[in-house]
Amino acid sequence: MTRQDYLPVPISEQVLWLRHFADTLPQFIGVLAIDEARMRDGIADAQWLTYVLGPWRTELRRFAPAGTSAIEQAQTGKDNAAPMQLPLYQLPPLPAGVVPRPAGALKRLFKLVATIKVVKGYTEGIGLSLGILPRRDSAEHPVPTFKIKVLPGTLNEKVAIRSSKHGHDGALIETRRGGGDWEELAISMKHLHEDERPLLVPGQPERRDYRLRFWDKGKPNGDWTDVATVTVGP
């Protein structure tokens, strides 16, 4: 699913965005040329995701260690002849007015926002109020930002490539070594990619160059970053 440039990346900030969207959208019912039922559905979707990514996810993360411990105990714990009592996951209560929604709530919100931006009655001021204008962070970065670090590896040293996509789908990573041409290393959709290739000549250190550009909707775009270089050894 393509990330939207108005949606924050950190989950904690997404919760704040969803809550704000749900709280603000009602005032534009009747202002925007969109059926009220669809607007109400959008509010319900945002409220539901606020709960799932907020209280529900928080409690799930708190429960995870207890669940892991119970699994280990069930598999390899000391046999004392007494039946195990598994820990119970207590669902946090739904806030008043929040109801479970069908799967795909975020995709529906993306479609609703796209509709909002093209219907009669929409203004940039409304977009600003709803938080659906491009985030300033994404507009300030014409290329990805990244750092590389040499770490111990299995066959030889490896290179950790940590990148920020600034709201884009991903980044195309290219590399060259040994005086060769640039070649594609990976299309990275995550923050971290590790280059674990073996050395061209076993036991002989080599220089590796890296550069990145944005990747969206199945193709690269934008300028290349400056080249970053490291030496990788055995």
C-alpha atoms as a PDB file:
ATOM      1  CA  MET A   1       0.000   0.000   0.000  1.00  0.00           C
ATOM      2  CA  THR A   2       1.424   3.370  -1.028  1.00  0.00           C
ATOM      3  CA  ARG A   3       2.220   5.618   1.915  1.00  0.00           C
ATOM      4  CA  GLN A   4       0.555   9.021   1.826  1.00  0.00           C
ATOM      5  CA  ASP A   5       2.622  12.152   2.338  1.00  0.00           C
ATOM      6  CA  TYR A   6       0.284  13.517   5.011  1.00  0.00           C
ATOM      7  CA  LEU A   7       0.411  10.432   7.265  1.00  0.00           C
ATOM      8  CA  PRO A   8       3.202  10.338   9.867  1.00  0.00           C
ATOM      9  CA  VAL A   9       5.484   7.316   9.937  1.00  0.00           C
ATOM     10  CA  PRO A  10       5.758   6.638  13.711  1.00  0.00           C
ATOM     11  CA  ILE A  11       2.733   4.709  15.005  1.00  0.00           C
ATOM     12  CA  SER A  12       2.386   7.046  17.991  1.00  0.00           C
ATOM     13  CA  GLU A  13       2.057  10.023  15.624  1.00  0.00           C
ATOM     14  CA  GLN A  14      -0.386   8.124  13.414  1.00  0.00           C
ATOM     15  CA  VAL A  15      -2.648   7.717  16.445  1.00  0.00           C
ATOM     16  CA  LEU A  16      -2.605  11.482  16.981  1.00  0.00           C
ATOM     17  CA  TRP A  17      -3.328  12.087  13.281  1.00  0.00           C
ATOM     18  CA  LEU A  18      -6.248   9.633  13.251  1.00  0.00           C
ATOM     19  CA  ARG A  19      -7.768  11.125  16.395  1.00  0.00           C
ATOM     20  CA  HIS A  20      -7.463  14.631  14.981  1.00  0.00           C
ATOM     21  CA  PHE A  21      -9.003  13.575  11.660  1.00  0.00           C
ATOM     22  CA  ALA A  22     -11.932  11.886  13.415  1.00  0.00           C
ATOM     23  CA  ASP A  23     -12.522  14.909  15.647  1.00  0.00           C
ATOM     24  CA  THR A  24     -12.245  17.487  12.846  1.00  0.00           C
ATOM     25  CA  LEU A  25     -14.079  15.849   9.936  1.00  0.00           C
ATOM     26  CA  PRO A  26     -17.628  16.286  11.358  1.00  0.00           C
ATOM     27  CA  GLN A  27     -17.488  20.071  10.979  1.00  0.00           C
ATOM     28  CA  PHE A  28     -17.144  19.684   7.205  1.00  0.00           C
ATOM     29  CA  ILE A  29     -20.215  17.509   6.727  1.00  0.00           C
ATOM     30  CA  GLY A  30     -22.433  19.586   4.457  1.00  0.00           C
ATOM     31  CA  VAL A  31     -19.506  21.784   3.453  1.00  0.00           C
ATOM     32  CA  LEU A  32     -17.859  19.205   1.217  1.00  0.00           C
ATOM     33  CA  ALA A  33     -19.848  17.671  -1.635  1.00  0.00           C
ATOM     34  CA  ILE A  34     -19.593  14.157  -0.205  1.00  0.00           C
ATOM     35  CA  ASP A  35     -22.446  11.963   0.971  1.00  0.00           C
ATOM     36  CA  GLU A  36     -22.898  12.278   4.743  1.00  0.00           C
ATOM     37  CA  ALA A  37     -22.965   8.501   5.200  1.00  0.00           C
ATOM     38  CA  ARG A  38     -19.507   8.201   3.655  1.00  0.00           C
ATOM     39  CA  MET A  39     -18.195  10.971   5.882  1.00  0.00           C
ATOM     40  CA  ARG A  40     -19.622   9.198   8.935  1.00  0.00           C
ATOM     41  CA  ASP A  41     -17.990   5.967   7.804  1.00  0.00           C
ATOM     42  CA  GLY A  42     -14.669   7.799   7.541  1.00  0.00           C
ATOM     43  CA  ILE A  43     -15.045   9.122  11.078  1.00  0.00           C
ATOM     44  CA  ALA A  44     -15.834   5.609  12.331  1.00  0.00           C
ATOM     45  CA  ASP A  45     -12.818   4.168  10.502  1.00  0.00           C
ATOM     46  CA  ALA A  46     -10.490   6.775  12.013  1.00  0.00           C
ATOM     47  CA  GLN A  47     -11.893   6.180  15.509  1.00  0.00           C
ATOM     48  CA  TRP A  48     -11.498   2.420  15.157  1.00  0.00           C
ATOM     49  CA  LEU A  49      -7.881   2.704  13.999  1.00  0.00           C
ATOM     50  CA  THR A  50      -7.156   5.121  16.845  1.00  0.00           C
ATOM     51  CA  TYR A  51      -8.236   2.366  19.230  1.00  0.00           C
ATOM     52  CA  VAL A  52      -6.400  -0.456  17.420  1.00  0.00           C
ATOM     53  CA  LEU A  53      -3.094   1.416  17.055  1.00  0.00           C
ATOM     54  CA  GLY A  54      -3.440   3.051  20.465  1.00  0.00           C
ATOM     55  CA  PRO A  55      -4.854   1.197  23.504  1.00  0.00           C
ATOM     56  CA  TRP A  56      -5.212  -2.210  21.838  1.00  0.00           C
ATOM     57  CA  ARG A  57      -1.660  -2.241  20.435  1.00  0.00           C
ATOM     58  CA  THR A  58      -0.225  -0.929  23.707  1.00  0.00           C
ATOM     59  CA  GLU A  59      -1.845  -3.699  25.756  1.00  0.00           C
ATOM     60  CA  LEU A  60      -0.833  -6.311  23.189  1.00  0.00           C
ATOM     61  CA  ARG A  61       2.806  -5.252  23.472  1.00  0.00           C
ATOM     62  CA  ARG A  62       2.597  -5.431  27.258  1.00  0.00           C
ATOM     63  CA  PHE A  63       1.131  -8.922  27.038  1.00  0.00           C
ATOM     64  CA  ALA A  64       3.709 -10.244  24.558  1.00  0.00           C
ATOM     65  CA  PRO A  65       6.440 -11.078  27.146  1.00  0.00           C
ATOM     66  CA  ALA A  66       3.929 -13.021  29.250  1.00  0.00           C
ATOM     67  CA  GLY A  67       2.806 -14.927  26.174  1.00  0.00           C
ATOM     68  CA  THR A  68       6.382 -15.748  25.201  1.00  0.00           C
ATOM     69  CA  SER A  69       7.150 -16.932  28.734  1.00  0.00           C
ATOM     70  CA  ALA A  70       4.059 -19.146  28.752  1.00  0.00           C
ATOM     71  CA  ILE A  71       5.070 -20.764  25.455  1.00  0.00           C
ATOM     72  CA  GLU A  72       8.562 -21.479  26.777  1.00  0.00           C
ATOM     73  CA  GLN A  73       7.110 -22.875  30.002  1.00  0.00           C
ATOM     74  CA  ALA A  74       4.699 -25.102  28.069  1.00  0.00           C
ATOM     75  CA  GLN A  75       7.523 -26.450  25.924  1.00  0.00           C
ATOM     76  CA  THR A  76      10.452 -26.835  28.286  1.00  0.00           C
ATOM     77  CA  GLY A  77       9.329 -25.837  31.787  1.00  0.00           C
ATOM     78  CA  LYS A  78       9.772 -27.982  34.896  1.00  0.00           C
ATOM     79  CA  ASP A  79       7.141 -30.722  35.182  1.00  0.00           C
ATOM     80  CA  ASN A  80       5.370 -30.349  38.520  1.00  0.00           C
ATOM     81  CA  ALA A  81       2.319 -32.430  37.495  1.00  0.00           C
ATOM     82  CA  ALA A  82      -0.017 -29.450  37.842  1.00  0.00           C
ATOM     83  CA  PRO A  83      -1.836 -28.231  34.708  1.00  0.00           C
ATOM     84  CA  MET A  84      -0.587 -24.886  33.434  1.00  0.00           C
ATOM     85  CA  GLN A  85      -2.690 -21.764  33.665  1.00  0.00           C
ATOM     86  CA  LEU A  86      -2.130 -19.675  30.573  1.00  0.00           C
ATOM     87  CA  PRO A  87      -2.113 -15.880  30.967  1.00  0.00           C
ATOM     88  CA  LEU A  88      -5.214 -14.199  29.631  1.00  0.00           C
ATOM     89  CA  TYR A  89      -5.038 -11.171  27.369  1.00  0.00           C
ATOM     90  CA  GLN A  90      -7.514  -8.575  28.561  1.00  0.00           C
ATOM     91  CA  LEU A  91      -8.843  -6.402  25.757  1.00  0.00           C
ATOM     92  CA  PRO A  92      -8.907  -2.716  26.659  1.00  0.00           C
ATOM     93  CA  PRO A  93     -12.511  -1.479  26.556  1.00  0.00           C
ATOM     94  CA  LEU A  94     -13.726   0.327  23.459  1.00  0.00           C
ATOM     95  CA  PRO A  95     -14.201   4.055  24.077  1.00  0.00           C
ATOM     96  CA  ALA A  96     -17.767   5.335  23.942  1.00  0.00           C
ATOM     97  CA  GLY A  97     -18.965   5.674  20.364  1.00  0.00           C
ATOM     98  CA  VAL A  98     -16.196   3.531  18.857  1.00  0.00           C
ATOM     99  CA  VAL A  99     -17.287   0.371  17.043  1.00  0.00           C
ATOM    100  CA  PRO A 100     -15.322  -2.370  15.233  1.00  0.00           C
ATOM    101  CA  ARG A 101     -15.023  -1.736  11.520  1.00  0.00           C
ATOM    102  CA  PRO A 102     -14.460  -3.997   8.490  1.00  0.00           C
ATOM    103  CA  ALA A 103     -10.851  -4.712   7.501  1.00  0.00           C
ATOM    104  CA  GLY A 104      -9.093  -2.151   5.309  1.00  0.00           C
ATOM    105  CA  ALA A 105      -9.992   0.968   7.293  1.00  0.00           C
ATOM    106  CA  LEU A 106      -6.781   2.801   6.416  1.00  0.00           C
ATOM    107  CA  LYS A 107      -7.219   2.119   2.697  1.00  0.00           C
ATOM    108  CA  ARG A 108     -10.745   3.517   2.885  1.00  0.00           C
ATOM    109  CA  LEU A 109      -9.461   6.624   4.658  1.00  0.00           C
ATOM    110  CA  PHE A 110      -6.863   7.167   1.941  1.00  0.00           C
ATOM    111  CA  LYS A 111      -9.607   6.965  -0.698  1.00  0.00           C
ATOM    112  CA  LEU A 112     -11.804   9.346   1.285  1.00  0.00           C
ATOM    113  CA  VAL A 113      -8.992  11.887   1.590  1.00  0.00           C
ATOM    114  CA  ALA A 114      -8.332  11.648  -2.155  1.00  0.00           C
ATOM    115  CA  THR A 115     -12.023  12.346  -2.779  1.00  0.00           C
ATOM    116  CA  ILE A 116     -12.105  15.239  -0.314  1.00  0.00           C
ATOM    117  CA  LYS A 117      -9.308  16.977  -2.206  1.00  0.00           C
ATOM    118  CA  VAL A 118     -11.206  17.047  -5.521  1.00  0.00           C
ATOM    119  CA  VAL A 119     -14.825  17.725  -4.535  1.00  0.00           C
ATOM    120  CA  LYS A 120     -16.692  21.009  -4.528  1.00  0.00           C
ATOM    121  CA  GLY A 121     -16.208  22.960  -1.328  1.00  0.00           C
ATOM    122  CA  TYR A 122     -12.654  21.843  -0.639  1.00  0.00           C
ATOM    123  CA  THR A 123     -10.034  24.491   0.102  1.00  0.00           C
ATOM    124  CA  GLU A 124      -6.437  24.394   1.219  1.00  0.00           C
ATOM    125  CA  GLY A 125      -7.628  25.726   4.562  1.00  0.00           C
ATOM    126  CA  ILE A 126      -9.831  22.657   4.996  1.00  0.00           C
ATOM    127  CA  GLY A 127      -6.897  20.457   4.046  1.00  0.00           C
ATOM    128  CA  LEU A 128      -4.792  22.181   6.679  1.00  0.00           C
ATOM    129  CA  SER A 129      -7.518  21.762   9.303  1.00  0.00           C
ATOM    130  CA  LEU A 130      -7.878  18.050   8.550  1.00  0.00           C
ATOM    131  CA  GLY A 131      -4.128  17.450   8.414  1.00  0.00           C
ATOM    132  CA  ILE A 132      -4.206  16.094   4.855  1.00  0.00           C
ATOM    133  CA  LEU A 133      -1.689  18.446   3.246  1.00  0.00           C
ATOM    134  CA  PRO A 134       1.820  17.082   2.566  1.00  0.00           C
ATOM    135  CA  ARG A 135       3.908  17.027   5.701  1.00  0.00           C
ATOM    136  CA  ARG A 136       6.659  19.625   5.635  1.00  0.00           C
ATOM    137  CA  ASP A 137       9.274  16.938   6.291  1.00  0.00           C
ATOM    138  CA  SER A 138       8.552  15.191   2.980  1.00  0.00           C
ATOM    139  CA  ALA A 139       8.814  18.460   1.037  1.00  0.00           C
ATOM    140  CA  GLU A 140      12.246  19.292   2.463  1.00  0.00           C
ATOM    141  CA  HIS A 141      14.005  16.166   1.241  1.00  0.00           C
ATOM    142  CA  PRO A 142      14.516  15.853  -2.533  1.00  0.00           C
ATOM    143  CA  VAL A 143      16.547  12.668  -1.928  1.00  0.00           C
ATOM    144  CA  PRO A 144      16.637   9.965   0.761  1.00  0.00           C
ATOM    145  CA  THR A 145      18.946  10.445   3.716  1.00  0.00           C
ATOM    146  CA  PHE A 146      21.075   7.513   4.800  1.00  0.00           C
ATOM    147  CA  LYS A 147      24.016   6.371   6.889  1.00  0.00           C
ATOM    148  CA  ILE A 148      26.263   3.361   6.396  1.00  0.00           C
ATOM    149  CA  LYS A 149      28.276   1.429   8.958  1.00  0.00           C
ATOM    150  CA  VAL A 150      30.605  -1.560   8.677  1.00  0.00           C
ATOM    151  CA  LEU A 151      29.761  -4.377  11.094  1.00  0.00           C
ATOM    152  CA  PRO A 152      31.029  -7.914  11.729  1.00  0.00           C
ATOM    153  CA  GLY A 153      29.410 -10.421   9.385  1.00  0.00           C
ATOM    154  CA  THR A 154      29.244 -14.162   8.774  1.00  0.00           C
ATOM    155  CA  LEU A 155      31.516 -14.555   5.728  1.00  0.00           C
ATOM    156  CA  ASN A 156      33.240 -11.196   6.100  1.00  0.00           C
ATOM    157  CA  GLU A 157      32.308  -7.720   7.284  1.00  0.00           C
ATOM    158  CA  LYS A 158      28.880  -6.435   6.227  1.00  0.00           C
ATOM    159  CA  VAL A 159      27.496  -2.944   5.661  1.00  0.00           C
ATOM    160  CA  ALA A 160      24.399  -1.709   7.491  1.00  0.00           C
ATOM    161  CA  ILE A 161      22.508   0.882   5.410  1.00  0.00           C
ATOM    162  CA  ARG A 162      19.982   2.879   7.428  1.00  0.00           C
ATOM    163  CA  SER A 163      17.794   5.158   5.343  1.00  0.00           C
ATOM    164  CA  SER A 164      14.906   7.575   5.761  1.00  0.00           C
ATOM    165  CA  LYS A 165      12.378   7.673   2.910  1.00  0.00           C
ATOM    166  CA  HIS A 166      10.539  10.820   4.105  1.00  0.00           C
ATOM    167  CA  GLY A 167       7.078   9.567   3.189  1.00  0.00           C
ATOM    168  CA  HIS A 168       8.038   7.739  -0.018  1.00  0.00           C
ATOM    169  CA  ASP A 169       7.391   4.041  -0.633  1.00  0.00           C
ATOM    170  CA  GLY A 170      11.042   3.064  -0.487  1.00  0.00           C
ATOM    171  CA  ALA A 171      14.520   3.643  -1.836  1.00  0.00           C
ATOM    172  CA  LEU A 172      16.543   2.132  -4.664  1.00  0.00           C
ATOM    173  CA  ILE A 173      20.050   1.294  -3.450  1.00  0.00           C
ATOM    174  CA  GLU A 174      22.889   1.027  -5.950  1.00  0.00           C
ATOM    175  CA  THR A 175      26.478   0.047  -5.277  1.00  0.00           C
ATOM    176  CA  ARG A 176      29.795  -0.329  -7.043  1.00  0.00           C
ATOM    177  CA  ARG A 177      33.041  -1.949  -5.993  1.00  0.00           C
ATOM    178  CA  GLY A 178      36.394  -2.970  -7.354  1.00  0.00           C
ATOM    179  CA  GLY A 179      36.325  -0.251 -10.007  1.00  0.00           C
ATOM    180  CA  GLY A 180      33.197  -1.725 -11.573  1.00  0.00           C
ATOM    181  CA  ASP A 181      29.961  -0.136 -12.746  1.00  0.00           C
ATOM    182  CA  TRP A 182      27.002   0.840 -10.621  1.00  0.00           C
ATOM    183  CA  GLU A 183      24.620  -2.052  -9.985  1.00  0.00           C
ATOM    184  CA  GLU A 184      21.330  -2.438  -8.161  1.00  0.00           C
ATOM    185  CA  LEU A 185      21.753  -3.774  -4.641  1.00  0.00           C
ATOM    186  CA  ALA A 186      18.167  -3.621  -3.367  1.00  0.00           C
ATOM    187  CA  ILE A 187      14.829  -1.859  -3.387  1.00  0.00           C
ATOM    188  CA  SER A 188      14.447  -1.182   0.301  1.00  0.00           C
ATOM    189  CA  MET A 189      11.036  -0.579   1.862  1.00  0.00           C
ATOM    190  CA  LYS A 190      12.433  -0.685   5.390  1.00  0.00           C
ATOM    191  CA  HIS A 191      14.677   1.505   7.506  1.00  0.00           C
ATOM    192  CA  LEU A 192      17.540  -1.007   7.526  1.00  0.00           C
ATOM    193  CA  HIS A 193      19.152  -3.001   4.723  1.00  0.00           C
ATOM    194  CA  GLU A 194      22.322  -5.049   5.181  1.00  0.00           C
ATOM    195  CA  ASP A 195      24.828  -5.680   2.399  1.00  0.00           C
ATOM    196  CA  GLU A 196      26.176  -9.127   3.267  1.00  0.00           C
ATOM    197  CA  ARG A 197      27.831  -9.967  -0.055  1.00  0.00           C
ATOM    198  CA  PRO A 198      31.117 -11.873   0.053  1.00  0.00           C
ATOM    199  CA  LEU A 199      34.301 -10.053  -0.887  1.00  0.00           C
ATOM    200  CA  LEU A 200      35.253 -10.116  -4.561  1.00  0.00           C
ATOM    201  CA  VAL A 201      38.600 -11.597  -3.539  1.00  0.00           C
ATOM    202  CA  PRO A 202      38.324 -13.634  -0.322  1.00  0.00           C
ATOM    203  CA  GLY A 203      40.429 -12.137   2.450  1.00  0.00           C
ATOM    204  CA  GLN A 204      41.154  -8.915   0.536  1.00  0.00           C
ATOM    205  CA  PRO A 205      39.532  -5.656   1.734  1.00  0.00           C
ATOM    206  CA  GLU A 206      37.554  -3.732  -0.868  1.00  0.00           C
ATOM    207  CA  ARG A 207      36.036  -0.284  -1.281  1.00  0.00           C
ATOM    208  CA  ARG A 208      32.269  -0.095  -1.702  1.00  0.00           C
ATOM    209  CA  ASP A 209      30.313   2.948  -2.882  1.00  0.00           C
ATOM    210  CA  TYR A 210      26.592   3.459  -2.250  1.00  0.00           C
ATOM    211  CA  ARG A 211      23.940   5.855  -3.543  1.00  0.00           C
ATOM    212  CA  LEU A 212      20.152   6.003  -3.144  1.00  0.00           C
ATOM    213  CA  ARG A 213      17.120   7.542  -4.817  1.00  0.00           C
ATOM    214  CA  PHE A 214      13.421   7.385  -4.032  1.00  0.00           C
ATOM    215  CA  TRP A 215      11.226   4.491  -5.192  1.00  0.00           C
ATOM    216  CA  ASP A 216       7.461   4.990  -5.640  1.00  0.00           C
ATOM    217  CA  LYS A 217       4.738   3.007  -7.405  1.00  0.00           C
ATOM    218  CA  GLY A 218       7.146   0.479  -8.850  1.00  0.00           C
ATOM    219  CA  LYS A 219       9.780   2.805 -10.293  1.00  0.00           C
ATOM    220  CA  PRO A 220      12.661   5.054  -9.203  1.00  0.00           C
ATOM    221  CA  ASN A 221      12.320   8.821  -9.142  1.00  0.00           C
ATOM    222  CA  GLY A 222      14.185  11.932  -8.083  1.00  0.00           C
ATOM    223  CA  ASP A 223      17.899  12.608  -7.920  1.00  0.00           C
ATOM    224  CA  TRP A 224      20.611  10.355  -6.569  1.00  0.00           C
ATOM    225  CA  THR A 225      22.084  11.053  -3.170  1.00  0.00           C
ATOM    226  CA  ASP A 226      25.730  11.891  -2.760  1.00  0.00           C
ATOM    227  CA  VAL A 227      27.951   8.809  -2.816  1.00  0.00           C
ATOM    228  CA  ALA A 228      28.953   7.268   0.514  1.00  0.00           C
ATOM    229  CA  THR A 229      32.024   5.034   0.682  1.00  0.00           C
ATOM    230  CA  VAL A 230      33.334   2.437   3.132  1.00  0.00           C
ATOM    231  CA  THR A 231      36.043  -0.205   3.139  1.00  0.00           C
ATOM    232  CA  VAL A 232      34.848  -3.745   3.828  1.00  0.00           C
ATOM    233  CA  GLY A 233      37.326  -6.277   5.153  1.00  0.00           C
ATOM    234  CA  PRO A 234      37.444  -9.974   6.033  1.00  0.00           C
END
